[in-house]
């Protein structure tokens, strides 16, 4: 429990005294832990336990997660991630530098106390417009630093649960559908309340969050804002960073040196089977850039495989023929062109 002292801080609500950071018993936590930041062992252990529990029981619902979100080590890990991501000030005008000057342990203590007492409320996002090509402006929502820390803390706790899920998840999704999906795994009402508050305040708009292999990003409708100054958010989604790493690792395995002895049609057949299933999962979203990137990567890996296969027998200029279009003519499945946006899905 974090000790509290009376008095007002610069829009942080109250000026409390930070509690002891786990692993540093008997001392107040420094504002900058010494050495390169690494997630604490206890944070990693918690994530591993949650992932294993979710993996072992696909029908299990987690009912005691909120208390983990406001754990001191979780909040410190959340702060480190927010600081690494940088970002501008929210509606309170407080930058990362201002928070550091105020005292990180102080801010974390106040946030922890508010979460424990059930009185935490996110502030509305600060709306700015940034220039786009051709002179247009794109609306952007910026949460406060404090709200970003709270969001990251929830993400640290929730993400392992949903990373363990393997589910058929297609089509577009709105806020209500998202909450329904989360509710299938999470029964802790305080956690669900937090998510609803963030969605309502637009706090999830800036950094987004990963869920079931997708990265969700709430974007404000620029047209409605420009024409009628109406704020309305839509959830866009595309393969998460982790999903892209996994699919590249699988393609790399299917085109490894161990496949040199196989005929090209056999290698392409195995890749096609994998890409069709993976692509069907993500095609009803906003994955165009990811699909183009992966198409190029697959063609590059196949080109490397053929070069290894030819070895010293590779003729001058032969590799230049092995373009993405050439591989597609050989029957390679192309992800680009399979996208189905929500209205057409």
Protein backbone atom coordinates (compact mmCIF):
# COMPACT_ATOMS: atom_id res chain seq x y z
CA UNK A 1 0.00 0.00 0.00
CA UNK A 2 1.31 3.44 -0.92
CA UNK A 3 1.47 6.08 1.79
CA UNK A 4 -0.51 9.22 1.08
CA UNK A 5 0.09 12.79 2.14
CA UNK A 6 -2.26 15.72 1.78
CA UNK A 7 -1.62 18.47 -0.70
CA UNK A 8 -2.15 19.12 -4.37
CA UNK A 9 0.29 18.37 -7.15
CA UNK A 10 0.34 19.87 -10.66
CA UNK A 11 -2.89 18.30 -11.90
CA UNK A 12 -1.97 14.84 -10.66
CA UNK A 13 -4.75 14.97 -8.09
CA UNK A 14 -2.67 14.77 -4.92
CA UNK A 15 0.96 14.64 -3.96
CA UNK A 16 1.60 11.21 -2.49
CA UNK A 17 4.79 9.45 -1.53
CA UNK A 18 5.78 6.50 -3.72
CA UNK A 19 5.96 3.10 -2.13
CA UNK A 20 8.90 0.73 -2.15
CA UNK A 21 9.69 -0.76 -5.50
CA UNK A 22 9.80 -4.54 -5.54
CA UNK A 23 13.35 -5.81 -5.46
CA UNK A 24 14.60 -2.73 -3.59
CA UNK A 25 13.39 -3.38 -0.07
CA UNK A 26 14.14 -0.73 2.49
CA UNK A 27 14.69 2.11 0.03
CA UNK A 28 12.50 4.52 -1.88
CA UNK A 29 12.44 3.74 -5.63
CA UNK A 30 14.82 5.85 -7.73
CA UNK A 31 13.29 7.83 -10.57
CA UNK A 32 15.70 6.06 -12.94
CA UNK A 33 16.55 2.45 -12.14
CA UNK A 34 20.26 1.91 -12.69
CA UNK A 35 21.44 0.23 -15.87
CA UNK A 36 19.52 -0.76 -18.97
CA UNK A 37 15.84 -1.31 -18.30
CA UNK A 38 14.63 -4.89 -18.31
CA UNK A 39 11.19 -6.09 -17.22
CA UNK A 40 11.43 -7.38 -13.67
CA UNK A 41 11.50 -11.10 -13.07
CA UNK A 42 8.18 -10.89 -11.21
CA UNK A 43 6.49 -9.15 -14.16
CA UNK A 44 7.73 -11.84 -16.56
CA UNK A 45 6.67 -14.58 -14.14
CA UNK A 46 3.17 -13.13 -13.89
CA UNK A 47 2.82 -12.92 -17.67
CA UNK A 48 4.08 -16.49 -18.09
CA UNK A 49 1.61 -17.79 -15.50
CA UNK A 50 -1.33 -15.99 -17.10
CA UNK A 51 -0.38 -17.24 -20.56
CA UNK A 52 -0.01 -20.83 -19.33
CA UNK A 53 -3.34 -20.73 -17.49
CA UNK A 54 -5.14 -19.37 -20.56
CA UNK A 55 -3.44 -21.92 -22.82
CA UNK A 56 -4.34 -24.86 -20.62
CA UNK A 57 -8.02 -23.94 -20.39
CA UNK A 58 -9.64 -22.25 -23.38
CA UNK A 59 -12.87 -21.72 -21.44
CA UNK A 60 -11.34 -20.23 -18.32
CA UNK A 61 -12.46 -16.74 -17.29
CA UNK A 62 -10.10 -14.64 -15.21
CA UNK A 63 -11.76 -12.87 -12.29
CA UNK A 64 -8.86 -11.44 -10.24
CA UNK A 65 -6.86 -9.26 -12.61
CA UNK A 66 -7.52 -5.71 -11.44
CA UNK A 67 -5.31 -6.01 -8.35
CA UNK A 68 -2.44 -7.08 -10.60
CA UNK A 69 -2.84 -3.99 -12.79
CA UNK A 70 -2.04 -1.64 -9.90
CA UNK A 71 0.86 -3.71 -8.57
CA UNK A 72 3.89 -1.48 -8.03
CA UNK A 73 6.19 -3.47 -10.32
CA UNK A 74 3.56 -3.53 -13.07
CA UNK A 75 3.09 0.24 -12.91
CA UNK A 76 6.85 0.80 -13.05
CA UNK A 77 7.14 -1.47 -16.07
CA UNK A 78 4.24 0.45 -17.65
CA UNK A 79 6.05 3.74 -17.06
CA UNK A 80 9.23 2.43 -18.70
CA UNK A 81 7.22 1.49 -21.81
CA UNK A 82 5.48 4.85 -21.94
CA UNK A 83 8.80 6.67 -21.59
CA UNK A 84 10.34 4.54 -24.36
CA UNK A 85 7.41 5.34 -26.68
CA UNK A 86 7.86 9.08 -26.05
CA UNK A 87 4.85 11.11 -27.19
CA UNK A 88 3.40 14.55 -26.54
CA UNK A 89 1.44 15.94 -23.62
CA UNK A 90 -2.28 15.30 -23.18
CA UNK A 91 -5.02 17.75 -22.18
CA UNK A 92 -3.27 18.44 -18.86
CA UNK A 93 -0.25 19.83 -20.72
CA UNK A 94 2.18 17.58 -18.83
CA UNK A 95 5.05 16.21 -20.92
CA UNK A 96 7.25 13.27 -19.99
CA UNK A 97 9.89 15.72 -18.83
CA UNK A 98 7.34 17.45 -16.60
CA UNK A 99 6.36 14.12 -15.06
CA UNK A 100 10.01 13.31 -14.40
CA UNK A 101 10.51 16.69 -12.78
CA UNK A 102 7.42 16.14 -10.65
CA UNK A 103 8.69 12.71 -9.60
CA UNK A 104 7.92 9.41 -11.27
CA UNK A 105 7.59 7.51 -8.00
CA UNK A 106 5.22 10.24 -6.82
CA UNK A 107 3.05 9.98 -9.93
CA UNK A 108 3.02 6.18 -9.79
CA UNK A 109 2.05 6.26 -6.13
CA UNK A 110 -0.89 8.57 -6.84
CA UNK A 111 -2.06 6.49 -9.80
CA UNK A 112 -1.77 3.32 -7.74
CA UNK A 113 -3.78 4.84 -4.88
CA UNK A 114 -6.53 6.01 -7.26
CA UNK A 115 -6.75 2.58 -8.88
CA UNK A 116 -6.84 0.84 -5.49
CA UNK A 117 -9.59 3.17 -4.26
CA UNK A 118 -11.59 2.77 -7.47
CA UNK A 119 -11.60 6.52 -8.13
CA UNK A 120 -9.34 6.60 -11.19
CA UNK A 121 -10.94 8.33 -14.16
CA UNK A 122 -9.17 8.91 -17.50
CA UNK A 123 -9.08 12.39 -18.92
CA UNK A 124 -10.38 13.08 -22.44
CA UNK A 125 -7.74 12.86 -25.13
CA UNK A 126 -6.19 16.02 -26.51
CA UNK A 127 -7.26 16.37 -30.11
CA UNK A 128 -4.79 17.78 -32.58
CA UNK A 129 -4.62 17.84 -36.35
CA UNK A 130 -1.44 16.87 -38.12
CA UNK A 131 -0.72 17.55 -41.80
CA UNK A 132 -1.22 14.87 -44.42
CA UNK A 133 -0.07 14.82 -48.05
CA UNK A 134 -1.94 17.16 -50.41
CA UNK A 135 -2.52 19.71 -47.65
CA UNK A 136 -5.16 17.78 -45.68
CA UNK A 137 -5.16 17.32 -41.93
CA UNK A 138 -5.50 14.10 -39.92
CA UNK A 139 -7.08 14.19 -36.44
CA UNK A 140 -5.05 12.60 -33.66
CA UNK A 141 -6.02 11.88 -30.06
CA UNK A 142 -3.31 12.14 -27.38
CA UNK A 143 -3.99 10.72 -23.88
CA UNK A 144 -2.25 12.11 -20.81
CA UNK A 145 0.96 10.48 -19.63
CA UNK A 146 -0.82 9.18 -16.55
CA UNK A 147 -3.54 7.55 -18.64
CA UNK A 148 -0.93 6.01 -20.92
CA UNK A 149 0.77 4.45 -17.90
CA UNK A 150 -2.52 3.00 -16.66
CA UNK A 151 -3.29 1.65 -20.12
CA UNK A 152 0.11 0.01 -20.43
CA UNK A 153 -0.31 -1.60 -17.01
CA UNK A 154 -3.58 -3.15 -18.14
CA UNK A 155 -1.97 -4.29 -21.37
CA UNK A 156 0.89 -6.00 -19.50
CA UNK A 157 -1.64 -8.05 -17.52
CA UNK A 158 -4.24 -8.75 -20.22
CA UNK A 159 -2.10 -9.39 -23.27
CA UNK A 160 -0.71 -12.82 -22.26
CA UNK A 161 -4.24 -14.16 -21.79
CA UNK A 162 -5.36 -13.29 -25.29
CA UNK A 163 -2.05 -14.19 -26.92
CA UNK A 164 -2.75 -17.75 -25.79
CA UNK A 165 -6.08 -17.88 -27.60
CA UNK A 166 -6.50 -19.54 -30.95
CA UNK A 167 -9.87 -18.53 -32.30
CA UNK A 168 -11.76 -17.93 -35.53
CA UNK A 169 -11.99 -14.18 -35.57
CA UNK A 170 -13.09 -12.55 -38.79
CA UNK A 171 -14.66 -9.32 -39.96
CA UNK A 172 -14.70 -5.84 -38.56
CA UNK A 173 -15.27 -5.11 -34.91
CA UNK A 174 -16.77 -2.24 -32.98
CA UNK A 175 -16.39 -1.28 -29.33
CA UNK A 176 -19.32 -3.41 -28.16
CA UNK A 177 -18.03 -6.49 -29.98
CA UNK A 178 -14.58 -5.94 -28.54
CA UNK A 179 -15.96 -5.76 -25.02
CA UNK A 180 -17.96 -8.93 -25.64
CA UNK A 181 -14.81 -10.75 -26.75
CA UNK A 182 -12.87 -9.54 -23.72
CA UNK A 183 -15.79 -10.59 -21.53
CA UNK A 184 -15.40 -14.18 -22.72
CA UNK A 185 -12.08 -14.34 -20.88
CA UNK A 186 -12.29 -11.63 -18.21
CA UNK A 187 -14.96 -11.57 -15.53
CA UNK A 188 -13.32 -8.92 -13.34
CA UNK A 189 -15.83 -6.07 -13.52
CA UNK A 190 -13.27 -3.48 -12.50
CA UNK A 191 -11.09 -4.37 -15.50
CA UNK A 192 -14.06 -4.23 -17.87
CA UNK A 193 -15.01 -0.86 -16.41
CA UNK A 194 -11.49 0.43 -17.08
CA UNK A 195 -11.64 -0.65 -20.73
CA UNK A 196 -15.05 0.98 -21.22
CA UNK A 197 -13.77 4.22 -19.70
CA UNK A 198 -10.77 4.26 -22.03
CA UNK A 199 -12.88 3.54 -25.09
CA UNK A 200 -15.33 6.30 -24.13
CA UNK A 201 -12.55 8.81 -23.51
CA UNK A 202 -10.61 7.82 -26.62
CA UNK A 203 -7.57 6.87 -24.53
CA UNK A 204 -6.98 3.79 -26.70
CA UNK A 205 -6.81 5.95 -29.82
CA UNK A 206 -3.15 6.83 -29.79
CA UNK A 207 -1.13 3.69 -29.12
CA UNK A 208 -3.75 1.05 -29.72
CA UNK A 209 -3.58 -2.45 -28.27
CA UNK A 210 -3.00 -6.03 -29.39
CA UNK A 211 -5.73 -8.64 -29.14
CA UNK A 212 -6.06 -12.11 -30.73
CA UNK A 213 -3.09 -11.50 -33.00
CA UNK A 214 -4.41 -8.16 -34.27
CA UNK A 215 -3.35 -4.65 -33.46
CA UNK A 216 -6.39 -2.46 -32.82
CA UNK A 217 -6.17 1.28 -33.27
CA UNK A 218 -9.08 3.63 -32.71
CA UNK A 219 -9.05 6.43 -35.26
CA UNK A 220 -11.25 9.44 -35.25
CA UNK A 221 -13.30 10.10 -38.37
CA UNK A 222 -11.54 12.98 -40.09
CA UNK A 223 -14.49 13.70 -42.37
CA UNK A 224 -17.01 14.02 -39.56
CA UNK A 225 -14.59 16.22 -37.62
CA UNK A 226 -13.88 18.49 -40.60
CA UNK A 227 -17.51 18.83 -41.66
CA UNK A 228 -19.46 18.89 -38.40
CA UNK A 229 -16.89 18.78 -35.59
CA UNK A 230 -18.36 15.45 -34.49
CA UNK A 231 -15.99 13.12 -32.64
CA UNK A 232 -16.51 9.49 -33.62
CA UNK A 233 -13.94 6.71 -33.33
CA UNK A 234 -13.65 3.60 -35.46
CA UNK A 235 -11.48 0.61 -34.63
CA UNK A 236 -9.02 -0.29 -37.35
CA UNK A 237 -7.05 -3.49 -37.15
CA UNK A 238 -4.12 -5.22 -38.79
CA UNK A 239 -1.64 -7.98 -37.85
CA UNK A 240 0.25 -7.14 -34.69
CA UNK A 241 4.03 -6.86 -34.55
CA UNK A 242 4.19 -10.25 -32.87
CA UNK A 243 1.97 -11.82 -35.53
CA UNK A 244 4.22 -10.42 -38.28
CA UNK A 245 7.30 -11.85 -36.56
CA UNK A 246 5.65 -15.24 -36.30
CA UNK A 247 4.54 -15.38 -39.92
CA UNK A 248 7.99 -14.34 -41.13
CA UNK A 249 9.55 -17.04 -38.94
CA UNK A 250 7.23 -19.63 -40.49
CA UNK A 251 8.02 -18.50 -44.04
CA UNK A 252 11.71 -18.58 -43.19
CA UNK A 253 11.37 -22.18 -41.99
CA UNK A 254 9.50 -23.18 -45.17
CA UNK A 255 12.28 -21.68 -47.31
CA UNK A 256 15.27 -22.72 -45.21
CA UNK A 257 18.39 -24.41 -46.60
CA UNK A 258 16.85 -27.75 -45.62
CA UNK A 259 14.31 -27.22 -48.41
CA UNK A 260 16.94 -26.96 -51.16
CA UNK A 261 16.40 -30.58 -52.21
CA UNK A 262 12.69 -30.06 -52.89
CA UNK A 263 11.22 -28.97 -56.21
CA UNK A 264 9.95 -25.39 -56.36
CA UNK A 265 6.27 -26.41 -56.84
CA UNK A 266 6.44 -28.49 -53.65
CA UNK A 267 7.90 -25.57 -51.65
CA UNK A 268 5.35 -23.15 -53.10
CA UNK A 269 2.52 -25.57 -52.28
CA UNK A 270 3.50 -25.67 -48.61
CA UNK A 271 3.82 -21.88 -48.47
CA UNK A 272 0.45 -21.40 -50.19
CA UNK A 273 -1.33 -23.64 -47.69
CA UNK A 274 0.06 -21.59 -44.83
CA UNK A 275 -0.49 -18.17 -46.41
CA UNK A 276 -4.12 -18.87 -47.32
CA UNK A 277 -5.05 -19.72 -43.74
CA UNK A 278 -3.07 -16.82 -42.29
CA UNK A 279 -4.41 -14.39 -44.88
CA UNK A 280 -8.03 -15.41 -44.35
CA UNK A 281 -7.70 -14.54 -40.68
CA UNK A 282 -6.45 -11.01 -41.30
CA UNK A 283 -7.95 -10.09 -44.66
CA UNK A 284 -11.08 -8.36 -43.31
CA UNK A 285 -9.31 -5.41 -41.84
CA UNK A 286 -6.73 -2.77 -42.68
CA UNK A 287 -3.82 -5.06 -43.47
CA UNK A 288 -2.86 -3.81 -46.96
CA UNK A 289 0.62 -2.59 -46.02
CA UNK A 290 1.32 -5.74 -44.00
CA UNK A 291 0.18 -7.97 -46.87
CA UNK A 292 2.37 -6.14 -49.41
CA UNK A 293 5.35 -6.40 -47.07
CA UNK A 294 4.82 -10.12 -46.55
CA UNK A 295 4.38 -10.80 -50.29
CA UNK A 296 7.74 -9.15 -50.92
CA UNK A 297 9.36 -11.11 -48.11
CA UNK A 298 8.07 -14.46 -49.40
CA UNK A 299 9.37 -13.74 -52.92
CA UNK A 300 12.75 -12.67 -51.51
CA UNK A 301 13.03 -15.87 -49.47
CA UNK A 302 12.16 -18.02 -52.49
CA UNK A 303 14.74 -16.18 -54.58
CA UNK A 304 17.41 -16.90 -51.95
CA UNK A 305 16.35 -20.56 -51.91
CA UNK A 306 16.72 -20.89 -55.69
CA UNK A 307 20.11 -19.20 -55.57
CA UNK A 308 21.26 -21.73 -52.97
CA UNK A 309 19.75 -24.51 -55.06
CA UNK A 310 21.66 -23.47 -58.19
CA UNK A 311 24.88 -22.79 -56.33
CA UNK A 312 27.81 -22.62 -58.73
CA UNK A 313 25.50 -23.47 -61.61
CA UNK A 314 23.69 -20.11 -61.26
CA UNK A 315 23.99 -18.35 -64.62
CA UNK A 316 24.70 -14.64 -64.96
CA UNK A 317 21.46 -12.64 -64.85
CA UNK A 318 19.34 -15.70 -64.00
CA UNK A 319 18.45 -14.50 -60.50
CA UNK A 320 17.16 -11.22 -61.91
CA UNK A 321 14.28 -13.13 -63.53
CA UNK A 322 13.06 -14.38 -60.15
CA UNK A 323 10.83 -11.44 -59.36
CA UNK A 324 7.63 -11.54 -57.28
CA UNK A 325 5.62 -11.59 -60.52
CA UNK A 326 7.63 -14.58 -61.75
CA UNK A 327 6.93 -16.54 -58.58
CA UNK A 328 3.24 -15.68 -58.81
CA UNK A 329 3.28 -17.06 -62.36
CA UNK A 330 4.64 -20.29 -60.84
CA UNK A 331 1.55 -20.47 -58.65
CA UNK A 332 2.67 -18.63 -55.51
CA UNK A 333 -0.31 -17.33 -53.55
CA UNK A 334 -0.49 -13.53 -53.36
CA UNK A 335 -1.92 -11.92 -50.26
CA UNK A 336 -2.35 -8.52 -51.89
CA UNK A 337 -5.72 -8.36 -53.59
CA UNK A 338 -7.45 -10.56 -51.00
CA UNK A 339 -8.28 -7.70 -48.61
CA UNK A 340 -11.98 -7.36 -47.83
CA UNK A 341 -12.86 -4.17 -46.01
CA UNK A 342 -15.67 -4.36 -43.42
CA UNK A 343 -18.48 -3.19 -45.73
CA UNK A 344 -17.52 -5.74 -48.36
CA UNK A 345 -16.72 -8.60 -45.99
